[in-house]
């Protein structure tokens, strides 16, 4: 891919050695924040 967003698809290595295959990631989401009846406060 070429153009404005081509860097999103290049690998990235953090200082601690973990490498991502691309830079498209999903933020962590929680499923543990609801009550026992699956409702929110």
C-alpha atoms as a PDB file:
ATOM      1  CA  UNK A   1       0.000   0.000   0.000  1.00  0.00           C
ATOM      2  CA  UNK A   2       1.298   3.426  -0.796  1.00  0.00           C
ATOM      3  CA  UNK A   3       0.072   6.797   0.261  1.00  0.00           C
ATOM      4  CA  UNK A   4      -0.954   8.656   3.329  1.00  0.00           C
ATOM      5  CA  UNK A   5      -1.631   5.649   5.596  1.00  0.00           C
ATOM      6  CA  UNK A   6       1.079   3.233   4.462  1.00  0.00           C
ATOM      7  CA  UNK A   7       2.885   3.416   7.837  1.00  0.00           C
ATOM      8  CA  UNK A   8      -0.141   1.818   9.524  1.00  0.00           C
ATOM      9  CA  UNK A   9       0.702  -1.484   7.861  1.00  0.00           C
ATOM     10  CA  UNK A  10       4.424  -1.555   8.700  1.00  0.00           C
ATOM     11  CA  UNK A  11       5.676  -3.519  11.687  1.00  0.00           C
ATOM     12  CA  UNK A  12       6.617  -1.719  14.892  1.00  0.00           C
ATOM     13  CA  UNK A  13       8.920  -2.909  17.688  1.00  0.00           C
ATOM     14  CA  UNK A  14       8.669  -1.521  21.219  1.00  0.00           C
ATOM     15  CA  UNK A  15      11.782  -0.925  23.346  1.00  0.00           C
ATOM     16  CA  UNK A  16      10.991  -4.052  25.391  1.00  0.00           C
ATOM     17  CA  UNK A  17      11.223  -6.217  22.244  1.00  0.00           C
ATOM     18  CA  UNK A  18       7.532  -6.822  21.516  1.00  0.00           C
ATOM     19  CA  UNK A  19       6.803  -6.498  17.796  1.00  0.00           C
ATOM     20  CA  UNK A  20       3.442  -5.669  16.238  1.00  0.00           C
ATOM     21  CA  UNK A  21       2.858  -6.906  12.682  1.00  0.00           C
ATOM     22  CA  UNK A  22       1.084  -3.641  11.880  1.00  0.00           C
ATOM     23  CA  UNK A  23       0.055  -0.538  13.742  1.00  0.00           C
ATOM     24  CA  UNK A  24      -3.682  -1.167  13.658  1.00  0.00           C
ATOM     25  CA  UNK A  25      -4.648  -2.143  17.213  1.00  0.00           C
ATOM     26  CA  UNK A  26      -7.811  -2.285  19.274  1.00  0.00           C
ATOM     27  CA  UNK A  27      -7.929  -0.642  22.688  1.00  0.00           C
ATOM     28  CA  UNK A  28      -8.564  -3.022  25.605  1.00  0.00           C
ATOM     29  CA  UNK A  29     -12.190  -3.333  26.572  1.00  0.00           C
ATOM     30  CA  UNK A  30     -13.582  -4.727  29.785  1.00  0.00           C
ATOM     31  CA  UNK A  31     -16.391  -7.209  30.247  1.00  0.00           C
ATOM     32  CA  UNK A  32     -16.015  -7.230  34.036  1.00  0.00           C
ATOM     33  CA  UNK A  33     -17.601  -3.845  34.763  1.00  0.00           C
ATOM     34  CA  UNK A  34     -21.234  -4.896  34.996  1.00  0.00           C
ATOM     35  CA  UNK A  35     -23.351  -6.155  37.890  1.00  0.00           C
ATOM     36  CA  UNK A  36     -24.368  -9.806  38.314  1.00  0.00           C
ATOM     37  CA  UNK A  37     -27.502  -9.103  36.254  1.00  0.00           C
ATOM     38  CA  UNK A  38     -25.275  -7.695  33.420  1.00  0.00           C
ATOM     39  CA  UNK A  39     -26.517  -4.146  34.038  1.00  0.00           C
ATOM     40  CA  UNK A  40     -24.457  -1.080  34.795  1.00  0.00           C
ATOM     41  CA  UNK A  41     -24.790   1.186  37.820  1.00  0.00           C
END
